PDB file of all heavy atoms in Angstrom:
ATOM      1  N   ALA A   1       3.292  -4.837  -7.488  1.00  0.00           N
ATOM      2  CA  ALA A   1       3.136  -3.719  -6.552  1.00  0.00           C
ATOM      3  C   ALA A   1       2.368  -4.148  -5.308  1.00  0.00           C
ATOM      4  O   ALA A   1       2.731  -3.786  -4.176  1.00  0.00           O
ATOM      5  CB  ALA A   1       2.417  -2.562  -7.244  1.00  0.00           C
ATOM      6  N   LYS A   2       1.296  -4.916  -5.488  1.00  0.00           N
ATOM      7  CA  LYS A   2       0.514  -5.366  -4.343  1.00  0.00           C
ATOM      8  C   LYS A   2       1.360  -6.207  -3.387  1.00  0.00           C
ATOM      9  O   LYS A   2       1.301  -6.043  -2.161  1.00  0.00           O
ATOM     10  CB  LYS A   2      -0.690  -6.189  -4.819  1.00  0.00           C
ATOM     11  CG  LYS A   2      -1.805  -5.376  -5.463  1.00  0.00           C
ATOM     12  CD  LYS A   2      -2.922  -6.291  -5.935  1.00  0.00           C
ATOM     13  CE  LYS A   2      -4.062  -5.516  -6.579  1.00  0.00           C
ATOM     14  NZ  LYS A   2      -4.784  -4.665  -5.625  1.00  0.00           N
ATOM     15  N   GLY A   3       2.149  -7.119  -3.968  1.00  0.00           N
ATOM     16  CA  GLY A   3       2.956  -7.996  -3.136  1.00  0.00           C
ATOM     17  C   GLY A   3       4.056  -7.262  -2.403  1.00  0.00           C
ATOM     18  O   GLY A   3       4.339  -7.538  -1.231  1.00  0.00           O
ATOM     19  N   LEU A   4       4.684  -6.304  -3.076  1.00  0.00           N
ATOM     20  CA  LEU A   4       5.782  -5.567  -2.455  1.00  0.00           C
ATOM     21  C   LEU A   4       5.277  -4.564  -1.419  1.00  0.00           C
ATOM     22  O   LEU A   4       5.910  -4.358  -0.381  1.00  0.00           O
ATOM     23  CB  LEU A   4       6.606  -4.843  -3.525  1.00  0.00           C
ATOM     24  CG  LEU A   4       7.364  -5.750  -4.506  1.00  0.00           C
ATOM     25  CD1 LEU A   4       8.079  -4.906  -5.560  1.00  0.00           C
ATOM     26  CD2 LEU A   4       8.361  -6.642  -3.765  1.00  0.00           C
ATOM     27  N   ALA A   5       4.130  -3.926  -1.701  1.00  0.00           N
ATOM     28  CA  ALA A   5       3.601  -2.925  -0.770  1.00  0.00           C
ATOM     29  C   ALA A   5       2.975  -3.580   0.455  1.00  0.00           C
ATOM     30  O   ALA A   5       3.141  -3.111   1.590  1.00  0.00           O
ATOM     31  CB  ALA A   5       2.589  -2.034  -1.479  1.00  0.00           C
ATOM     32  N   GLY A   6       2.202  -4.648   0.243  1.00  0.00           N
ATOM     33  CA  GLY A   6       1.552  -5.332   1.359  1.00  0.00           C
ATOM     34  C   GLY A   6       0.637  -4.423   2.169  1.00  0.00           C
ATOM     35  O   GLY A   6       0.514  -4.569   3.389  1.00  0.00           O
ATOM     36  N   ARG A   7      -0.053  -3.515   1.506  1.00  0.00           N
ATOM     37  CA  ARG A   7      -0.894  -2.544   2.211  1.00  0.00           C
ATOM     38  C   ARG A   7      -2.250  -3.152   2.539  1.00  0.00           C
ATOM     39  O   ARG A   7      -2.920  -3.706   1.663  1.00  0.00           O
ATOM     40  CB  ARG A   7      -1.078  -1.295   1.343  1.00  0.00           C
ATOM     41  CG  ARG A   7      -1.779  -0.152   2.058  1.00  0.00           C
ATOM     42  CD  ARG A   7      -1.996   1.046   1.148  1.00  0.00           C
ATOM     43  NE  ARG A   7      -2.286   2.249   1.916  1.00  0.00           N
ATOM     44  CZ  ARG A   7      -2.635   3.408   1.391  1.00  0.00           C
ATOM     45  NH1 ARG A   7      -2.737   3.535   0.055  1.00  0.00           N
ATOM     46  NH2 ARG A   7      -2.880   4.451   2.152  1.00  0.00           N
ATOM     47  N   THR A   8      -2.668  -3.027   3.795  1.00  0.00           N
ATOM     48  CA  THR A   8      -3.966  -3.568   4.188  1.00  0.00           C
ATOM     49  C   THR A   8      -5.104  -2.722   3.630  1.00  0.00           C
ATOM     50  O   THR A   8      -5.000  -1.501   3.541  1.00  0.00           O
ATOM     51  CB  THR A   8      -4.079  -3.630   5.723  1.00  0.00           C
ATOM     52  OG1 THR A   8      -3.694  -2.380   6.274  1.00  0.00           O
ATOM     53  CG2 THR A   8      -3.204  -4.743   6.274  1.00  0.00           C
ATOM     54  N   ARG A   9      -6.188  -3.387   3.286  1.00  0.00           N
ATOM     55  CA  ARG A   9      -7.327  -2.700   2.686  1.00  0.00           C
ATOM     56  C   ARG A   9      -8.082  -1.882   3.736  1.00  0.00           C
ATOM     57  O   ARG A   9      -8.029  -2.172   4.942  1.00  0.00           O
ATOM     58  CB  ARG A   9      -8.262  -3.712   2.035  1.00  0.00           C
ATOM     59  CG  ARG A   9      -7.674  -4.397   0.793  1.00  0.00           C
ATOM     60  CD  ARG A   9      -8.742  -5.168   0.058  1.00  0.00           C
ATOM     61  NE  ARG A   9      -8.229  -5.945  -1.059  1.00  0.00           N
ATOM     62  CZ  ARG A   9      -8.121  -5.489  -2.308  1.00  0.00           C
ATOM     63  NH1 ARG A   9      -8.470  -4.237  -2.580  1.00  0.00           N
ATOM     64  NH2 ARG A   9      -7.678  -6.270  -3.269  1.00  0.00           N
ATOM     65  N   PRO A  10      -8.829  -0.889   3.276  1.00  0.00           N
ATOM     66  CA  PRO A  10      -9.552  -0.026   4.229  1.00  0.00           C
ATOM     67  C   PRO A  10     -10.500  -0.774   5.152  1.00  0.00           C
ATOM     68  O   PRO A  10     -10.649  -0.398   6.321  1.00  0.00           O
ATOM     69  CB  PRO A  10     -10.314   0.936   3.310  1.00  0.00           C
ATOM     70  CG  PRO A  10      -9.521   0.977   2.054  1.00  0.00           C
ATOM     71  CD  PRO A  10      -8.951  -0.404   1.888  1.00  0.00           C
ATOM     72  N   PHE A  11     -11.153  -1.837   4.667  1.00  0.00           N
ATOM     73  CA  PHE A  11     -12.183  -2.456   5.494  1.00  0.00           C
ATOM     74  C   PHE A  11     -11.625  -3.076   6.770  1.00  0.00           C
ATOM     75  O   PHE A  11     -12.336  -3.185   7.767  1.00  0.00           O
ATOM     76  CB  PHE A  11     -13.001  -3.479   4.697  1.00  0.00           C
ATOM     77  CG  PHE A  11     -12.272  -4.733   4.291  1.00  0.00           C
ATOM     78  CD1 PHE A  11     -12.073  -5.765   5.190  1.00  0.00           C
ATOM     79  CD2 PHE A  11     -11.804  -4.879   2.997  1.00  0.00           C
ATOM     80  CE1 PHE A  11     -11.416  -6.928   4.806  1.00  0.00           C
ATOM     81  CE2 PHE A  11     -11.143  -6.030   2.605  1.00  0.00           C
ATOM     82  CZ  PHE A  11     -10.942  -7.057   3.518  1.00  0.00           C
ATOM     83  N   VAL A  12     -10.342  -3.461   6.773  1.00  0.00           N
ATOM     84  CA  VAL A  12      -9.807  -4.045   8.007  1.00  0.00           C
ATOM     85  C   VAL A  12      -9.522  -2.973   9.056  1.00  0.00           C
ATOM     86  O   VAL A  12      -9.304  -3.287  10.233  1.00  0.00           O
ATOM     87  CB  VAL A  12      -8.546  -4.888   7.735  1.00  0.00           C
ATOM     88  CG1 VAL A  12      -8.868  -6.060   6.826  1.00  0.00           C
ATOM     89  CG2 VAL A  12      -7.419  -4.048   7.189  1.00  0.00           C
ATOM     90  N   HIS A  13      -9.534  -1.706   8.665  1.00  0.00           N
ATOM     91  CA  HIS A  13      -9.366  -0.595   9.601  1.00  0.00           C
ATOM     92  C   HIS A  13     -10.710   0.015  10.007  1.00  0.00           C
ATOM     93  O   HIS A  13     -10.733   0.965  10.796  1.00  0.00           O
ATOM     94  CB  HIS A  13      -8.515   0.510   8.965  1.00  0.00           C
ATOM     95  CG  HIS A  13      -7.118   0.090   8.658  1.00  0.00           C
ATOM     96  ND1 HIS A  13      -6.059   0.306   9.524  1.00  0.00           N
ATOM     97  CD2 HIS A  13      -6.579  -0.538   7.587  1.00  0.00           C
ATOM     98  CE1 HIS A  13      -4.942  -0.163   8.986  1.00  0.00           C
ATOM     99  NE2 HIS A  13      -5.231  -0.674   7.812  1.00  0.00           N
ATOM    100  N   ASN A  14     -11.789  -0.510   9.465  1.00  0.00           N
ATOM    101  CA  ASN A  14     -13.107   0.105   9.628  1.00  0.00           C
ATOM    102  C   ASN A  14     -13.731  -0.330  10.957  1.00  0.00           C
ATOM    103  O   ASN A  14     -14.290  -1.428  11.077  1.00  0.00           O
ATOM    104  CB  ASN A  14     -14.009  -0.289   8.465  1.00  0.00           C
ATOM    105  CG  ASN A  14     -15.330   0.459   8.468  1.00  0.00           C
ATOM    106  OD1 ASN A  14     -15.681   1.126   9.429  1.00  0.00           O
ATOM    107  ND2 ASN A  14     -16.064   0.342   7.365  1.00  0.00           N
ATOM    108  N   THR A  15     -13.671   0.538  11.945  1.00  0.00           N
ATOM    109  CA  THR A  15     -14.194   0.191  13.266  1.00  0.00           C
ATOM    110  C   THR A  15     -15.720   0.243  13.334  1.00  0.00           C
ATOM    111  O   THR A  15     -16.300  -0.103  14.364  1.00  0.00           O
ATOM    112  CB  THR A  15     -13.600   1.134  14.333  1.00  0.00           C
ATOM    113  OG1 THR A  15     -13.782   2.504  13.933  1.00  0.00           O
ATOM    114  CG2 THR A  15     -12.117   0.857  14.520  1.00  0.00           C
ATOM    115  N   ALA A  16     -16.376   0.667  12.234  1.00  0.00           N
ATOM    116  CA  ALA A  16     -17.832   0.551  12.179  1.00  0.00           C
ATOM    117  C   ALA A  16     -18.259  -0.903  12.008  1.00  0.00           C
ATOM    118  O   ALA A  16     -19.413  -1.256  12.262  1.00  0.00           O
ATOM    119  CB  ALA A  16     -18.391   1.402  11.035  1.00  0.00           C
ATOM    120  N   LEU A  17     -17.331  -1.734  11.554  1.00  0.00           N
ATOM    121  CA  LEU A  17     -17.547  -3.179  11.486  1.00  0.00           C
ATOM    122  C   LEU A  17     -16.986  -3.808  12.755  1.00  0.00           C
ATOM    123  O   LEU A  17     -15.983  -3.338  13.300  1.00  0.00           O
ATOM    124  CB  LEU A  17     -16.839  -3.772  10.261  1.00  0.00           C
ATOM    125  CG  LEU A  17     -17.244  -3.240   8.887  1.00  0.00           C
ATOM    126  CD1 LEU A  17     -16.321  -3.801   7.803  1.00  0.00           C
ATOM    127  CD2 LEU A  17     -18.694  -3.574   8.577  1.00  0.00           C
ATOM    128  N   THR A  18     -17.613  -4.870  13.209  1.00  0.00           N
ATOM    129  CA  THR A  18     -17.089  -5.558  14.380  1.00  0.00           C
ATOM    130  C   THR A  18     -15.804  -6.286  14.020  1.00  0.00           C
ATOM    131  O   THR A  18     -15.506  -6.519  12.843  1.00  0.00           O
ATOM    132  CB  THR A  18     -18.099  -6.577  14.921  1.00  0.00           C
ATOM    133  OG1 THR A  18     -18.257  -7.639  13.964  1.00  0.00           O
ATOM    134  CG2 THR A  18     -19.462  -5.921  15.181  1.00  0.00           C
ATOM    135  N   VAL A  19     -15.042  -6.643  15.042  1.00  0.00           N
ATOM    136  CA  VAL A  19     -13.813  -7.402  14.801  1.00  0.00           C
ATOM    137  C   VAL A  19     -14.143  -8.718  14.117  1.00  0.00           C
ATOM    138  O   VAL A  19     -13.437  -9.161  13.200  1.00  0.00           O
ATOM    139  CB  VAL A  19     -13.063  -7.642  16.124  1.00  0.00           C
ATOM    140  CG1 VAL A  19     -11.868  -8.582  15.906  1.00  0.00           C
ATOM    141  CG2 VAL A  19     -12.600  -6.327  16.726  1.00  0.00           C
ATOM    142  N   ASP A  20     -15.237  -9.362  14.512  1.00  0.00           N
ATOM    143  CA  ASP A  20     -15.629 -10.629  13.886  1.00  0.00           C
ATOM    144  C   ASP A  20     -15.967 -10.429  12.410  1.00  0.00           C
ATOM    145  O   ASP A  20     -15.616 -11.278  11.572  1.00  0.00           O
ATOM    146  CB  ASP A  20     -16.848 -11.220  14.610  1.00  0.00           C
ATOM    147  CG  ASP A  20     -16.491 -11.807  15.962  1.00  0.00           C
ATOM    148  OD1 ASP A  20     -15.290 -12.127  16.172  1.00  0.00           O
ATOM    149  OD2 ASP A  20     -17.393 -11.947  16.812  1.00  0.00           O
ATOM    150  N   GLU A  21     -16.646  -9.329  12.078  1.00  0.00           N
ATOM    151  CA  GLU A  21     -16.977  -9.056  10.675  1.00  0.00           C
ATOM    152  C   GLU A  21     -15.713  -8.811   9.854  1.00  0.00           C
ATOM    153  O   GLU A  21     -15.568  -9.342   8.750  1.00  0.00           O
ATOM    154  CB  GLU A  21     -17.908  -7.847  10.579  1.00  0.00           C
ATOM    155  CG  GLU A  21     -19.330  -8.117  11.052  1.00  0.00           C
ATOM    156  CD  GLU A  21     -20.169  -6.859  11.118  1.00  0.00           C
ATOM    157  OE1 GLU A  21     -19.611  -5.765  11.397  1.00  0.00           O
ATOM    158  OE2 GLU A  21     -21.396  -6.955  10.909  1.00  0.00           O
ATOM    159  N   ARG A  22     -14.812  -8.018  10.391  1.00  0.00           N
ATOM    160  CA  ARG A  22     -13.565  -7.759   9.670  1.00  0.00           C
ATOM    161  C   ARG A  22     -12.732  -9.022   9.531  1.00  0.00           C
ATOM    162  O   ARG A  22     -12.110  -9.255   8.485  1.00  0.00           O
ATOM    163  CB  ARG A  22     -12.756  -6.667  10.388  1.00  0.00           C
ATOM    164  CG  ARG A  22     -13.356  -5.283  10.244  1.00  0.00           C
ATOM    165  CD  ARG A  22     -12.449  -4.237  10.849  1.00  0.00           C
ATOM    166  NE  ARG A  22     -12.609  -4.126  12.299  1.00  0.00           N
ATOM    167  CZ  ARG A  22     -11.755  -3.514  13.101  1.00  0.00           C
ATOM    168  NH1 ARG A  22     -10.646  -2.973  12.598  1.00  0.00           N
ATOM    169  NH2 ARG A  22     -11.986  -3.437  14.403  1.00  0.00           N
ATOM    170  N   LEU A  23     -12.712  -9.845  10.565  1.00  0.00           N
ATOM    171  CA  LEU A  23     -11.963 -11.097  10.497  1.00  0.00           C
ATOM    172  C   LEU A  23     -12.562 -12.026   9.450  1.00  0.00           C
ATOM    173  O   LEU A  23     -11.827 -12.660   8.676  1.00  0.00           O
ATOM    174  CB  LEU A  23     -11.962 -11.779  11.868  1.00  0.00           C
ATOM    175  CG  LEU A  23     -11.187 -13.102  11.961  1.00  0.00           C
ATOM    176  CD1 LEU A  23      -9.703 -12.877  11.664  1.00  0.00           C
ATOM    177  CD2 LEU A  23     -11.379 -13.728  13.343  1.00  0.00           C
ATOM    178  N   ALA A  24     -13.897 -12.110   9.399  1.00  0.00           N
ATOM    179  CA  ALA A  24     -14.545 -12.978   8.408  1.00  0.00           C
ATOM    180  C   ALA A  24     -14.235 -12.508   6.992  1.00  0.00           C
ATOM    181  O   ALA A  24     -13.968 -13.326   6.099  1.00  0.00           O
ATOM    182  CB  ALA A  24     -16.055 -13.003   8.649  1.00  0.00           C
ATOM    183  N   LEU A  25     -14.283 -11.195   6.756  1.00  0.00           N
ATOM    184  CA  LEU A  25     -13.960 -10.655   5.432  1.00  0.00           C
ATOM    185  C   LEU A  25     -12.514 -10.937   5.062  1.00  0.00           C
ATOM    186  O   LEU A  25     -12.203 -11.288   3.924  1.00  0.00           O
ATOM    187  CB  LEU A  25     -14.224  -9.148   5.404  1.00  0.00           C
ATOM    188  CG  LEU A  25     -15.684  -8.715   5.479  1.00  0.00           C
ATOM    189  CD1 LEU A  25     -15.784  -7.205   5.694  1.00  0.00           C
ATOM    190  CD2 LEU A  25     -16.437  -9.124   4.219  1.00  0.00           C
ATOM    191  N   SER A  26     -11.637 -10.812   6.035  1.00  0.00           N
ATOM    192  CA  SER A  26     -10.224 -11.072   5.784  1.00  0.00           C
ATOM    193  C   SER A  26      -9.966 -12.539   5.505  1.00  0.00           C
ATOM    194  O   SER A  26      -9.178 -12.900   4.620  1.00  0.00           O
ATOM    195  CB  SER A  26      -9.402 -10.615   6.994  1.00  0.00           C
ATOM    196  OG  SER A  26      -8.056 -10.982   6.859  1.00  0.00           O
ATOM    197  N   GLU A  27     -10.641 -13.419   6.244  1.00  0.00           N
ATOM    198  CA  GLU A  27     -10.401 -14.856   6.093  1.00  0.00           C
ATOM    199  C   GLU A  27     -10.971 -15.411   4.794  1.00  0.00           C
ATOM    200  O   GLU A  27     -10.588 -16.496   4.370  1.00  0.00           O
ATOM    201  CB  GLU A  27     -10.995 -15.607   7.287  1.00  0.00           C
ATOM    202  CG  GLU A  27     -10.199 -15.398   8.574  1.00  0.00           C
ATOM    203  CD  GLU A  27     -10.809 -16.133   9.750  1.00  0.00           C
ATOM    204  OE1 GLU A  27     -12.034 -16.455   9.683  1.00  0.00           O
ATOM    205  OE2 GLU A  27     -10.084 -16.376  10.739  1.00  0.00           O
ATOM    206  N   ALA A  28     -11.889 -14.687   4.154  1.00  0.00           N
ATOM    207  CA  ALA A  28     -12.427 -15.154   2.875  1.00  0.00           C
ATOM    208  C   ALA A  28     -11.309 -15.333   1.857  1.00  0.00           C
ATOM    209  O   ALA A  28     -11.353 -16.230   1.013  1.00  0.00           O
ATOM    210  CB  ALA A  28     -13.478 -14.177   2.353  1.00  0.00           C
ATOM    211  N   ASP A  29     -10.316 -14.477   1.898  1.00  0.00           N
ATOM    212  CA  ASP A  29      -9.081 -14.620   1.112  1.00  0.00           C
ATOM    213  C   ASP A  29      -7.994 -13.892   1.884  1.00  0.00           C
ATOM    214  O   ASP A  29      -7.857 -12.663   1.770  1.00  0.00           O
ATOM    215  CB  ASP A  29      -9.235 -14.041  -0.284  1.00  0.00           C
ATOM    216  CG  ASP A  29      -8.016 -14.297  -1.167  1.00  0.00           C
ATOM    217  OD1 ASP A  29      -6.923 -14.543  -0.615  1.00  0.00           O
ATOM    218  OD2 ASP A  29      -8.151 -14.257  -2.395  1.00  0.00           O
ATOM    219  N   PRO A  30      -7.233 -14.616   2.710  1.00  0.00           N
ATOM    220  CA  PRO A  30      -6.281 -13.961   3.612  1.00  0.00           C
ATOM    221  C   PRO A  30      -5.273 -13.057   2.915  1.00  0.00           C
ATOM    222  O   PRO A  30      -4.890 -12.022   3.463  1.00  0.00           O
ATOM    223  CB  PRO A  30      -5.583 -15.141   4.300  1.00  0.00           C
ATOM    224  CG  PRO A  30      -6.589 -16.248   4.240  1.00  0.00           C
ATOM    225  CD  PRO A  30      -7.291 -16.064   2.928  1.00  0.00           C
ATOM    226  N   GLN A  31      -4.848 -13.412   1.706  1.00  0.00           N
ATOM    227  CA  GLN A  31      -3.867 -12.587   1.017  1.00  0.00           C
ATOM    228  C   GLN A  31      -4.478 -11.293   0.477  1.00  0.00           C
ATOM    229  O   GLN A  31      -3.812 -10.264   0.395  1.00  0.00           O
ATOM    230  CB  GLN A  31      -3.226 -13.373  -0.130  1.00  0.00           C
ATOM    231  CG  GLN A  31      -2.313 -14.492   0.336  1.00  0.00           C
ATOM    232  CD  GLN A  31      -1.167 -13.986   1.194  1.00  0.00           C
ATOM    233  OE1 GLN A  31      -0.511 -13.015   0.858  1.00  0.00           O
ATOM    234  NE2 GLN A  31      -0.925 -14.652   2.312  1.00  0.00           N
ATOM    235  N   ASP A  32      -5.744 -11.343   0.127  1.00  0.00           N
ATOM    236  CA  ASP A  32      -6.380 -10.179  -0.478  1.00  0.00           C
ATOM    237  C   ASP A  32      -6.438  -9.000   0.480  1.00  0.00           C
ATOM    238  O   ASP A  32      -6.430  -7.846   0.058  1.00  0.00           O
ATOM    239  CB  ASP A  32      -7.785 -10.540  -0.955  1.00  0.00           C
ATOM    240  CG  ASP A  32      -8.440  -9.404  -1.725  1.00  0.00           C
ATOM    241  OD1 ASP A  32      -7.956  -9.094  -2.834  1.00  0.00           O
ATOM    242  OD2 ASP A  32      -9.402  -8.817  -1.217  1.00  0.00           O
ATOM    243  N   ALA A  33      -6.488  -9.260   1.757  1.00  0.00           N
ATOM    244  CA  ALA A  33      -6.540  -8.182   2.733  1.00  0.00           C
ATOM    245  C   ALA A  33      -5.298  -7.305   2.682  1.00  0.00           C
ATOM    246  O   ALA A  33      -5.317  -6.154   3.128  1.00  0.00           O
ATOM    247  CB  ALA A  33      -6.713  -8.751   4.140  1.00  0.00           C
ATOM    248  N   TYR A  34      -4.200  -7.838   2.121  1.00  0.00           N
ATOM    249  CA  TYR A  34      -2.942  -7.097   2.022  1.00  0.00           C
ATOM    250  C   TYR A  34      -2.745  -6.447   0.649  1.00  0.00           C
ATOM    251  O   TYR A  34      -1.678  -5.909   0.385  1.00  0.00           O
ATOM    252  CB  TYR A  34      -1.753  -8.028   2.259  1.00  0.00           C
ATOM    253  CG  TYR A  34      -1.578  -8.500   3.683  1.00  0.00           C
ATOM    254  CD1 TYR A  34      -1.992  -9.767   4.064  1.00  0.00           C
ATOM    255  CD2 TYR A  34      -0.968  -7.686   4.635  1.00  0.00           C
ATOM    256  CE1 TYR A  34      -1.799 -10.216   5.357  1.00  0.00           C
ATOM    257  CE2 TYR A  34      -0.781  -8.130   5.937  1.00  0.00           C
ATOM    258  CZ  TYR A  34      -1.197  -9.397   6.292  1.00  0.00           C
ATOM    259  OH  TYR A  34      -1.003  -9.840   7.573  1.00  0.00           O
ATOM    260  N   GLN A  35      -3.732  -6.505  -0.210  1.00  0.00           N
ATOM    261  CA  GLN A  35      -3.512  -6.122  -1.605  1.00  0.00           C
ATOM    262  C   GLN A  35      -4.242  -4.828  -1.981  1.00  0.00           C
ATOM    263  O   GLN A  35      -4.840  -4.713  -3.033  1.00  0.00           O
ATOM    264  CB  GLN A  35      -3.913  -7.271  -2.527  1.00  0.00           C
ATOM    265  CG  GLN A  35      -3.001  -8.471  -2.352  1.00  0.00           C
ATOM    266  CD  GLN A  35      -3.332  -9.614  -3.281  1.00  0.00           C
ATOM    267  OE1 GLN A  35      -4.281  -9.557  -4.056  1.00  0.00           O
ATOM    268  NE2 GLN A  35      -2.550 -10.670  -3.226  1.00  0.00           N
ATOM    269  N   SER A  36      -4.135  -3.839  -1.124  1.00  0.00           N
ATOM    270  CA  SER A  36      -4.820  -2.578  -1.395  1.00  0.00           C
ATOM    271  C   SER A  36      -4.077  -1.725  -2.422  1.00  0.00           C
ATOM    272  O   SER A  36      -4.702  -1.079  -3.258  1.00  0.00           O
ATOM    273  CB  SER A  36      -4.999  -1.790  -0.096  1.00  0.00           C
ATOM    274  OG  SER A  36      -5.831  -0.670  -0.286  1.00  0.00           O
ATOM    275  N   PHE A  37      -2.750  -1.704  -2.352  1.00  0.00           N
ATOM    276  CA  PHE A  37      -1.982  -0.813  -3.222  1.00  0.00           C
ATOM    277  C   PHE A  37      -1.339  -1.598  -4.354  1.00  0.00           C
ATOM    278  O   PHE A  37      -0.537  -2.511  -4.114  1.00  0.00           O
ATOM    279  CB  PHE A  37      -0.888  -0.105  -2.438  1.00  0.00           C
ATOM    280  CG  PHE A  37      -0.130   0.900  -3.267  1.00  0.00           C
ATOM    281  CD1 PHE A  37      -0.633   2.178  -3.452  1.00  0.00           C
ATOM    282  CD2 PHE A  37       1.062   0.565  -3.868  1.00  0.00           C
ATOM    283  CE1 PHE A  37       0.059   3.116  -4.214  1.00  0.00           C
ATOM    284  CE2 PHE A  37       1.756   1.488  -4.638  1.00  0.00           C
ATOM    285  CZ  PHE A  37       1.259   2.758  -4.805  1.00  0.00           C
ATOM    286  N   TYR A  38      -1.603  -1.183  -5.591  1.00  0.00           N
ATOM    287  CA  TYR A  38      -2.599  -0.181  -5.957  1.00  0.00           C
ATOM    288  C   TYR A  38      -3.829  -0.883  -6.507  1.00  0.00           C
ATOM    289  O   TYR A  38      -3.831  -2.128  -6.599  1.00  0.00           O
ATOM    290  CB  TYR A  38      -2.042   0.802  -7.011  1.00  0.00           C
ATOM    291  CG  TYR A  38      -1.410   0.145  -8.235  1.00  0.00           C
ATOM    292  CD1 TYR A  38      -2.177  -0.300  -9.300  1.00  0.00           C
ATOM    293  CD2 TYR A  38      -0.033  -0.049  -8.281  1.00  0.00           C
ATOM    294  CE1 TYR A  38      -1.600  -0.911 -10.397  1.00  0.00           C
ATOM    295  CE2 TYR A  38       0.549  -0.663  -9.375  1.00  0.00           C
ATOM    296  CZ  TYR A  38      -0.224  -1.095 -10.428  1.00  0.00           C
ATOM    297  OH  TYR A  38       0.359  -1.719 -11.504  1.00  0.00           O
ATOM    298  N   SER A  39      -4.841  -0.133  -6.896  1.00  0.00           N
ATOM    299  CA  SER A  39      -6.106  -0.733  -7.311  1.00  0.00           C
ATOM    300  C   SER A  39      -6.016  -1.388  -8.681  1.00  0.00           C
ATOM    301  O   SER A  39      -5.778  -0.710  -9.687  1.00  0.00           O
ATOM    302  CB  SER A  39      -7.197   0.348  -7.336  1.00  0.00           C
ATOM    303  OG  SER A  39      -8.357  -0.124  -7.988  1.00  0.00           O
ATOM    304  N   GLY A  40      -6.229  -2.698  -8.714  1.00  0.00           N
ATOM    305  CA  GLY A  40      -6.244  -3.409  -9.988  1.00  0.00           C
ATOM    306  C   GLY A  40      -7.452  -3.058 -10.833  1.00  0.00           C
ATOM    307  O   GLY A  40      -7.367  -2.981 -12.057  1.00  0.00           O
ATOM    308  N   HIS A  41      -8.601  -2.851 -10.176  1.00  0.00           N
ATOM    309  CA  HIS A  41      -9.792  -2.429 -10.925  1.00  0.00           C
ATOM    310  C   HIS A  41      -9.551  -1.096 -11.626  1.00  0.00           C
ATOM    311  O   HIS A  41      -9.880  -0.921 -12.802  1.00  0.00           O
ATOM    312  CB  HIS A  41     -10.992  -2.284  -9.974  1.00  0.00           C
ATOM    313  CG  HIS A  41     -11.725  -3.542  -9.688  1.00  0.00           C
ATOM    314  ND1 HIS A  41     -11.168  -4.588  -8.977  1.00  0.00           N
ATOM    315  CD2 HIS A  41     -12.996  -3.933  -9.991  1.00  0.00           C
ATOM    316  CE1 HIS A  41     -12.067  -5.560  -8.860  1.00  0.00           C
ATOM    317  NE2 HIS A  41     -13.184  -5.184  -9.474  1.00  0.00           N
ATOM    318  N   SER A  42      -9.003  -0.137 -10.875  1.00  0.00           N
ATOM    319  CA  SER A  42      -8.749   1.184 -11.444  1.00  0.00           C
ATOM    320  C   SER A  42      -7.732   1.102 -12.582  1.00  0.00           C
ATOM    321  O   SER A  42      -7.917   1.697 -13.645  1.00  0.00           O
ATOM    322  CB  SER A  42      -8.248   2.125 -10.351  1.00  0.00           C
ATOM    323  OG  SER A  42      -7.989   3.409 -10.860  1.00  0.00           O
ATOM    324  N   ALA A  43      -6.653   0.346 -12.362  1.00  0.00           N
ATOM    325  CA  ALA A  43      -5.632   0.209 -13.403  1.00  0.00           C
ATOM    326  C   ALA A  43      -6.209  -0.433 -14.652  1.00  0.00           C
ATOM    327  O   ALA A  43      -5.976   0.029 -15.783  1.00  0.00           O
ATOM    328  CB  ALA A  43      -4.452  -0.613 -12.875  1.00  0.00           C
ATOM    329  N   ALA A  44      -6.983  -1.508 -14.472  1.00  0.00           N
ATOM    330  CA  ALA A  44      -7.564  -2.198 -15.621  1.00  0.00           C
ATOM    331  C   ALA A  44      -8.549  -1.299 -16.357  1.00  0.00           C
ATOM    332  O   ALA A  44      -8.559  -1.248 -17.593  1.00  0.00           O
ATOM    333  CB  ALA A  44      -8.263  -3.478 -15.164  1.00  0.00           C
ATOM    334  N   ALA A  45      -9.376  -0.575 -15.596  1.00  0.00           N
ATOM    335  CA  ALA A  45     -10.386   0.275 -16.217  1.00  0.00           C
ATOM    336  C   ALA A  45      -9.748   1.369 -17.067  1.00  0.00           C
ATOM    337  O   ALA A  45     -10.156   1.611 -18.211  1.00  0.00           O
ATOM    338  CB  ALA A  45     -11.285   0.894 -15.146  1.00  0.00           C
TER     339      ALA A  45
END
């Protein structure tokens, strides 16, 4: 589902963070930024 949906996570839309902060968070794992849908934590729990 994550791969097919390719939904960006909320933090990359968060303008309370600077562009540099959002870019750094995204670059920590570039693919993870696209894996918002659906929540693996919620599903596992």
